[in-house]
Amino acid sequence: MPHEPLNNPPGATAATGIPPLPDDERTLLLLGLLTAQDRHGYEINDFIEHNLQNVIALKKATAYQLLERLEQHGLVESRIEQHGHRPSRKVYHLTAAGQARFEVMLTTQLRQEEPLILTGNVPVMFSENMNREELLSSLQERLAKLEARVRLHDSFSTPCTPGVGLALRRIHHLTRADRDWLQATLRELRQPQETEPATP
């Protein structure tokens, strides 16, 4: 679903050439990760990859692009740090404006109810065009993958923060609900089909 851009800060008009910020969870995530401490770009992406891979899909290139845009809008500042013989790294710091924007976005997004518009709904909508055997086989394969995902969620270790734990439990709950729906659908489809009465 497309997101409306955030209001540009003073001076960030079309004339400045500063692109607008997306008012979505990606921007909120990057601001949120900088609320506790300054972080360099690699650290941010490493944290997302190893702790939030089941919470949000955010590619490294997109994260770096958004960090640059946050800096252009004055919500973060950066500095170059050098440690020993390691390559220099850009470290990001949340500004007061960034903290204020984070708090507004957090409150706004947490209050929102979101529609569950899943890509997998489209093939379900046209499933009546398949023959019965192929339909059952396809849904059974889908169910097996869902059950594997549920087992994966069951095996998760203690999350890094209580908030991440809440997000993971929500994902787990929704995954189980989808699994339960598919199990019930397969049971219904496997019921003997009613035969229409013969025409006299």
C-alpha atoms as a PDB file:
ATOM      1  CA  MET A   1       0.000   0.000   0.000  1.00  0.00           C
ATOM      2  CA  PRO A   2       1.497   3.413  -0.895  1.00  0.00           C
ATOM      3  CA  HIS A   3       2.313   5.718   1.997  1.00  0.00           C
ATOM      4  CA  GLU A   4       1.824   9.445   2.143  1.00  0.00           C
ATOM      5  CA  PRO A   5       5.060  11.388   2.611  1.00  0.00           C
ATOM      6  CA  LEU A   6       5.719  13.138   5.888  1.00  0.00           C
ATOM      7  CA  ASN A   7       5.395  16.888   5.943  1.00  0.00           C
ATOM      8  CA  ASN A   8       8.714  18.382   4.955  1.00  0.00           C
ATOM      9  CA  PRO A   9      10.598  20.355   7.603  1.00  0.00           C
ATOM     10  CA  PRO A  10      11.020  24.124   7.157  1.00  0.00           C
ATOM     11  CA  GLY A  11      13.027  24.836   4.035  1.00  0.00           C
ATOM     12  CA  ALA A  12      12.547  21.332   2.624  1.00  0.00           C
ATOM     13  CA  THR A  13      10.392  22.372  -0.295  1.00  0.00           C
ATOM     14  CA  ALA A  14      10.379  21.156  -3.842  1.00  0.00           C
ATOM     15  CA  ALA A  15      12.826  23.957  -4.638  1.00  0.00           C
ATOM     16  CA  THR A  16      15.464  22.455  -2.330  1.00  0.00           C
ATOM     17  CA  GLY A  17      15.432  19.140  -4.147  1.00  0.00           C
ATOM     18  CA  ILE A  18      15.104  17.201  -0.867  1.00  0.00           C
ATOM     19  CA  PRO A  19      12.917  14.131  -1.439  1.00  0.00           C
ATOM     20  CA  PRO A  20       9.993  13.676   0.970  1.00  0.00           C
ATOM     21  CA  LEU A  21      10.157  11.044   3.679  1.00  0.00           C
ATOM     22  CA  PRO A  22       7.842   8.028   3.532  1.00  0.00           C
ATOM     23  CA  ASP A  23       5.471   8.076   6.483  1.00  0.00           C
ATOM     24  CA  ASP A  24       5.744   4.340   7.102  1.00  0.00           C
ATOM     25  CA  GLU A  25       7.189   1.737   9.437  1.00  0.00           C
ATOM     26  CA  ARG A  26      10.595   1.783   7.721  1.00  0.00           C
ATOM     27  CA  THR A  27      11.176   5.403   8.731  1.00  0.00           C
ATOM     28  CA  LEU A  28       9.828   4.692  12.220  1.00  0.00           C
ATOM     29  CA  LEU A  29      12.165   1.704  12.562  1.00  0.00           C
ATOM     30  CA  LEU A  30      15.312   3.652  11.683  1.00  0.00           C
ATOM     31  CA  LEU A  31      14.407   6.509  14.001  1.00  0.00           C
ATOM     32  CA  GLY A  32      13.545   4.031  16.755  1.00  0.00           C
ATOM     33  CA  LEU A  33      16.849   2.182  16.484  1.00  0.00           C
ATOM     34  CA  LEU A  34      18.656   5.470  17.065  1.00  0.00           C
ATOM     35  CA  THR A  35      16.676   6.446  20.172  1.00  0.00           C
ATOM     36  CA  ALA A  36      18.787   4.302  22.503  1.00  0.00           C
ATOM     37  CA  GLN A  37      22.247   5.016  21.084  1.00  0.00           C
ATOM     38  CA  ASP A  38      24.197   6.236  18.086  1.00  0.00           C
ATOM     39  CA  ARG A  39      24.762   3.512  15.505  1.00  0.00           C
ATOM     40  CA  HIS A  40      26.671   3.158  12.273  1.00  0.00           C
ATOM     41  CA  GLY A  41      24.924   1.962   9.134  1.00  0.00           C
ATOM     42  CA  TYR A  42      26.394  -1.539   9.196  1.00  0.00           C
ATOM     43  CA  GLU A  43      25.293  -2.030  12.795  1.00  0.00           C
ATOM     44  CA  ILE A  44      21.755  -0.927  11.963  1.00  0.00           C
ATOM     45  CA  ASN A  45      21.486  -3.303   9.018  1.00  0.00           C
ATOM     46  CA  ASP A  46      23.087  -6.167  10.948  1.00  0.00           C
ATOM     47  CA  PHE A  47      20.567  -5.719  13.771  1.00  0.00           C
ATOM     48  CA  ILE A  48      17.644  -5.719  11.328  1.00  0.00           C
ATOM     49  CA  GLU A  49      18.934  -8.798   9.497  1.00  0.00           C
ATOM     50  CA  HIS A  50      19.565 -10.896  12.612  1.00  0.00           C
ATOM     51  CA  ASN A  51      16.771  -9.734  14.928  1.00  0.00           C
ATOM     52  CA  LEU A  52      13.948  -8.346  12.813  1.00  0.00           C
ATOM     53  CA  GLN A  53      13.916 -10.545   9.701  1.00  0.00           C
ATOM     54  CA  ASN A  54      10.460 -11.813  10.707  1.00  0.00           C
ATOM     55  CA  VAL A  55       9.159  -8.355  11.605  1.00  0.00           C
ATOM     56  CA  ILE A  56       9.988  -6.193   8.603  1.00  0.00           C
ATOM     57  CA  ALA A  57      11.463  -6.563   5.140  1.00  0.00           C
ATOM     58  CA  LEU A  58      14.001  -3.769   4.693  1.00  0.00           C
ATOM     59  CA  LYS A  59      16.860  -4.107   2.226  1.00  0.00           C
ATOM     60  CA  LYS A  60      20.247  -2.630   3.045  1.00  0.00           C
ATOM     61  CA  ALA A  61      20.219  -0.291   0.049  1.00  0.00           C
ATOM     62  CA  THR A  62      16.814   1.055   1.077  1.00  0.00           C
ATOM     63  CA  ALA A  63      17.941   1.518   4.688  1.00  0.00           C
ATOM     64  CA  TYR A  64      21.000   3.509   3.651  1.00  0.00           C
ATOM     65  CA  GLN A  65      18.893   5.616   1.283  1.00  0.00           C
ATOM     66  CA  LEU A  66      16.402   6.377   4.057  1.00  0.00           C
ATOM     67  CA  LEU A  67      19.196   7.235   6.515  1.00  0.00           C
ATOM     68  CA  GLU A  68      20.559   9.734   4.016  1.00  0.00           C
ATOM     69  CA  ARG A  69      17.102  11.207   3.571  1.00  0.00           C
ATOM     70  CA  LEU A  70      16.601  11.429   7.337  1.00  0.00           C
ATOM     71  CA  GLU A  71      19.823  13.401   7.523  1.00  0.00           C
ATOM     72  CA  GLN A  72      18.704  15.719   4.730  1.00  0.00           C
ATOM     73  CA  HIS A  73      15.543  16.428   6.734  1.00  0.00           C
ATOM     74  CA  GLY A  74      17.515  17.187   9.885  1.00  0.00           C
ATOM     75  CA  LEU A  75      16.161  14.204  11.817  1.00  0.00           C
ATOM     76  CA  VAL A  76      19.579  12.545  12.147  1.00  0.00           C
ATOM     77  CA  GLU A  77      23.155  13.759  12.003  1.00  0.00           C
ATOM     78  CA  SER A  78      26.201  11.761  10.991  1.00  0.00           C
ATOM     79  CA  ARG A  79      29.902  11.758  11.778  1.00  0.00           C
ATOM     80  CA  ILE A  80      32.799   9.698  10.494  1.00  0.00           C
ATOM     81  CA  GLU A  81      34.575   7.472  13.027  1.00  0.00           C
ATOM     82  CA  GLN A  82      37.822   5.565  12.645  1.00  0.00           C
ATOM     83  CA  HIS A  83      38.771   2.636  14.903  1.00  0.00           C
ATOM     84  CA  GLY A  84      42.309   1.366  14.491  1.00  0.00           C
ATOM     85  CA  HIS A  85      43.031   0.070  11.027  1.00  0.00           C
ATOM     86  CA  ARG A  86      39.382  -0.647  10.265  1.00  0.00           C
ATOM     87  CA  PRO A  87      37.675   1.266   7.472  1.00  0.00           C
ATOM     88  CA  SER A  88      36.034   4.501   8.584  1.00  0.00           C
ATOM     89  CA  ARG A  89      32.310   4.302   9.250  1.00  0.00           C
ATOM     90  CA  LYS A  90      29.509   6.843   9.255  1.00  0.00           C
ATOM     91  CA  VAL A  91      27.801   6.953  12.654  1.00  0.00           C
ATOM     92  CA  TYR A  92      24.255   8.296  12.903  1.00  0.00           C
ATOM     93  CA  HIS A  93      22.874  10.337  15.803  1.00  0.00           C
ATOM     94  CA  LEU A  94      19.214  11.165  16.419  1.00  0.00           C
ATOM     95  CA  THR A  95      18.549  14.901  16.647  1.00  0.00           C
ATOM     96  CA  ALA A  96      15.947  16.571  18.852  1.00  0.00           C
ATOM     97  CA  ALA A  97      13.765  16.995  15.772  1.00  0.00           C
ATOM     98  CA  GLY A  98      14.221  13.300  15.011  1.00  0.00           C
ATOM     99  CA  GLN A  99      13.192  12.337  18.554  1.00  0.00           C
ATOM    100  CA  ALA A 100      10.081  14.486  18.287  1.00  0.00           C
ATOM    101  CA  ARG A 101       9.200  13.027  14.885  1.00  0.00           C
ATOM    102  CA  PHE A 102       9.734   9.480  16.226  1.00  0.00           C
ATOM    103  CA  GLU A 103       7.336  10.082  19.126  1.00  0.00           C
ATOM    104  CA  VAL A 104       4.626  11.463  16.834  1.00  0.00           C
ATOM    105  CA  MET A 105       5.018   8.622  14.315  1.00  0.00           C
ATOM    106  CA  LEU A 106       5.055   5.970  17.053  1.00  0.00           C
ATOM    107  CA  THR A 107       1.817   7.207  18.607  1.00  0.00           C
ATOM    108  CA  THR A 108       0.114   7.627  15.232  1.00  0.00           C
ATOM    109  CA  GLN A 109       1.112   4.254  13.793  1.00  0.00           C
ATOM    110  CA  LEU A 110       0.395   2.312  16.988  1.00  0.00           C
ATOM    111  CA  ARG A 111      -3.182   3.599  16.984  1.00  0.00           C
ATOM    112  CA  GLN A 112      -3.814   2.615  13.379  1.00  0.00           C
ATOM    113  CA  GLU A 113      -5.827  -0.444  12.398  1.00  0.00           C
ATOM    114  CA  GLU A 114      -4.403  -2.039   9.290  1.00  0.00           C
ATOM    115  CA  PRO A 115      -6.238  -4.117   6.684  1.00  0.00           C
ATOM    116  CA  LEU A 116      -4.814  -7.583   6.123  1.00  0.00           C
ATOM    117  CA  ILE A 117      -4.363  -7.332   2.374  1.00  0.00           C
ATOM    118  CA  LEU A 118      -2.356 -10.467   1.663  1.00  0.00           C
ATOM    119  CA  THR A 119      -0.947 -11.291  -1.754  1.00  0.00           C
ATOM    120  CA  GLY A 120      -1.975 -14.909  -1.255  1.00  0.00           C
ATOM    121  CA  ASN A 121      -5.636 -13.910  -1.378  1.00  0.00           C
ATOM    122  CA  VAL A 122      -5.629 -13.480  -5.157  1.00  0.00           C
ATOM    123  CA  PRO A 123      -4.894 -17.136  -6.073  1.00  0.00           C
ATOM    124  CA  VAL A 124      -7.393 -18.228  -3.418  1.00  0.00           C
ATOM    125  CA  MET A 125     -10.014 -16.083  -5.139  1.00  0.00           C
ATOM    126  CA  PHE A 126      -9.514 -17.951  -8.434  1.00  0.00           C
ATOM    127  CA  SER A 127      -8.984 -21.417  -6.948  1.00  0.00           C
ATOM    128  CA  GLU A 128     -12.380 -22.591  -8.240  1.00  0.00           C
ATOM    129  CA  ASN A 129     -10.825 -22.683 -11.720  1.00  0.00           C
ATOM    130  CA  MET A 130      -8.601 -25.645 -10.747  1.00  0.00           C
ATOM    131  CA  ASN A 131      -9.660 -29.259 -10.833  1.00  0.00           C
ATOM    132  CA  ARG A 132     -10.348 -30.758  -7.433  1.00  0.00           C
ATOM    133  CA  GLU A 133      -7.232 -32.929  -7.195  1.00  0.00           C
ATOM    134  CA  GLU A 134      -4.872 -30.119  -8.201  1.00  0.00           C
ATOM    135  CA  LEU A 135      -6.576 -27.711  -5.801  1.00  0.00           C
ATOM    136  CA  LEU A 136      -6.271 -30.097  -2.855  1.00  0.00           C
ATOM    137  CA  SER A 137      -2.650 -30.855  -3.698  1.00  0.00           C
ATOM    138  CA  SER A 138      -1.740 -27.161  -3.951  1.00  0.00           C
ATOM    139  CA  LEU A 139      -3.451 -26.237  -0.695  1.00  0.00           C
ATOM    140  CA  GLN A 140      -1.891 -29.209   1.096  1.00  0.00           C
ATOM    141  CA  GLU A 141       1.555 -28.028  -0.009  1.00  0.00           C
ATOM    142  CA  ARG A 142       0.725 -24.540   1.191  1.00  0.00           C
ATOM    143  CA  LEU A 143      -0.415 -25.961   4.532  1.00  0.00           C
ATOM    144  CA  ALA A 144       2.837 -27.864   4.968  1.00  0.00           C
ATOM    145  CA  LYS A 145       4.790 -24.626   4.486  1.00  0.00           C
ATOM    146  CA  LEU A 146       2.574 -22.807   6.971  1.00  0.00           C
ATOM    147  CA  GLU A 147       3.021 -25.561   9.556  1.00  0.00           C
ATOM    148  CA  ALA A 148       6.792 -25.351   9.063  1.00  0.00           C
ATOM    149  CA  ARG A 149       6.625 -21.602   9.658  1.00  0.00           C
ATOM    150  CA  VAL A 150       4.585 -22.112  12.839  1.00  0.00           C
ATOM    151  CA  ARG A 151       7.215 -24.571  14.106  1.00  0.00           C
ATOM    152  CA  LEU A 152       9.909 -22.032  13.265  1.00  0.00           C
ATOM    153  CA  HIS A 153       8.135 -19.379  15.323  1.00  0.00           C
ATOM    154  CA  ASP A 154       7.780 -21.881  18.175  1.00  0.00           C
ATOM    155  CA  SER A 155      11.547 -22.337  18.186  1.00  0.00           C
ATOM    156  CA  PHE A 156      12.423 -18.639  18.458  1.00  0.00           C
ATOM    157  CA  SER A 157      14.663 -17.762  21.380  1.00  0.00           C
ATOM    158  CA  THR A 158      14.004 -14.905  23.794  1.00  0.00           C
ATOM    159  CA  PRO A 159      13.691 -11.694  21.741  1.00  0.00           C
ATOM    160  CA  CYS A 160      16.185  -8.882  22.197  1.00  0.00           C
ATOM    161  CA  THR A 161      13.589  -6.450  23.589  1.00  0.00           C
ATOM    162  CA  PRO A 162      10.051  -6.766  25.016  1.00  0.00           C
ATOM    163  CA  GLY A 163       8.679  -4.766  22.076  1.00  0.00           C
ATOM    164  CA  VAL A 164      10.249  -7.123  19.536  1.00  0.00           C
ATOM    165  CA  GLY A 165       8.689  -9.974  21.504  1.00  0.00           C
ATOM    166  CA  LEU A 166       5.238  -8.402  21.134  1.00  0.00           C
ATOM    167  CA  ALA A 167       5.722  -8.040  17.382  1.00  0.00           C
ATOM    168  CA  LEU A 168       6.903 -11.639  17.010  1.00  0.00           C
ATOM    169  CA  ARG A 169       3.967 -12.967  19.031  1.00  0.00           C
ATOM    170  CA  ARG A 170       1.593 -11.027  16.791  1.00  0.00           C
ATOM    171  CA  ILE A 171       3.178 -12.566  13.682  1.00  0.00           C
ATOM    172  CA  HIS A 172       3.034 -16.018  15.287  1.00  0.00           C
ATOM    173  CA  HIS A 173      -0.638 -15.560  16.167  1.00  0.00           C
ATOM    174  CA  LEU A 174      -1.554 -14.441  12.641  1.00  0.00           C
ATOM    175  CA  THR A 175       0.438 -17.319  11.119  1.00  0.00           C
ATOM    176  CA  ARG A 176      -1.408 -19.852  13.294  1.00  0.00           C
ATOM    177  CA  ALA A 177      -4.728 -18.252  12.319  1.00  0.00           C
ATOM    178  CA  ASP A 178      -3.853 -18.631   8.632  1.00  0.00           C
ATOM    179  CA  ARG A 179      -2.835 -22.251   9.280  1.00  0.00           C
ATOM    180  CA  ASP A 180      -6.117 -22.935  11.088  1.00  0.00           C
ATOM    181  CA  TRP A 181      -8.126 -21.362   8.240  1.00  0.00           C
ATOM    182  CA  LEU A 182      -6.352 -23.532   5.688  1.00  0.00           C
ATOM    183  CA  GLN A 183      -6.868 -26.705   7.729  1.00  0.00           C
ATOM    184  CA  ALA A 184     -10.599 -25.957   7.972  1.00  0.00           C
ATOM    185  CA  THR A 185     -10.754 -25.176   4.237  1.00  0.00           C
ATOM    186  CA  LEU A 186      -9.114 -28.480   3.330  1.00  0.00           C
ATOM    187  CA  ARG A 187     -11.517 -30.390   5.590  1.00  0.00           C
ATOM    188  CA  GLU A 188     -14.442 -28.644   3.885  1.00  0.00           C
ATOM    189  CA  LEU A 189     -13.130 -29.344   0.384  1.00  0.00           C
ATOM    190  CA  ARG A 190     -12.562 -33.008   1.191  1.00  0.00           C
ATOM    191  CA  GLN A 191     -16.195 -33.519   2.171  1.00  0.00           C
ATOM    192  CA  PRO A 192     -18.136 -35.618  -0.359  1.00  0.00           C
ATOM    193  CA  GLN A 193     -19.545 -33.365  -3.037  1.00  0.00           C
ATOM    194  CA  GLU A 194     -23.322 -33.230  -3.261  1.00  0.00           C
ATOM    195  CA  THR A 195     -24.647 -34.569  -6.535  1.00  0.00           C
ATOM    196  CA  GLU A 196     -27.361 -32.608  -8.225  1.00  0.00           C
ATOM    197  CA  PRO A 197     -30.684 -34.444  -8.589  1.00  0.00           C
ATOM    198  CA  ALA A 198     -31.262 -35.993 -11.985  1.00  0.00           C
ATOM    199  CA  THR A 199     -33.550 -34.084 -14.278  1.00  0.00           C
ATOM    200  CA  PRO A 200     -36.833 -36.019 -14.808  1.00  0.00           C
END
